[in-house]
Amino acid sequence: PARTIEVGGQQDLEAVVVDVVFHPSVVMPALSQPDPDELEVDNLLRRRAILGRMMRARLVELAVKNIEDDLRMKLGRDMKLPRGLTYVGGLGEKKTRPMPMTALKQLVQQSLEAENRRKLES
């Protein structure tokens, strides 16, 4: 479910965040970063780097589509993949510990229950 977080530690700026979960076997090829020097001489590594970039773009598109389905709204596609960012939507003092799946399931259940209550009240 979507939730809001403070952006950059500033209380007056916030962003809506959604956790998206992919199996590691899907994500690992997309995250591989071959050494640029090796790319010049190794055609296989060059092809893997191109495949990784294509997979990253497709994973983002898949994530956005699933988020749109969950939120029941259309999101813009004018985006760039951020680099060097740290996950900050989780738990703990610095909000960097990913939210456990059980907590996500509880949030989803709470969201569904709230939606059902709204429908009953209408």
Foldseek 3Di string as FASTA:
>chain_A
DWDKDAPPPDPVHIDIDDDDDDDCVLLVLLPDDDDPVVCVPDVVVVVSPVVSVVSVLVVVVVRQVVVCVVVVHHDDPPDDDDPPDAQQCADDPRNRDHHDPVVVVVVVVVVVVVVVVVVVVD
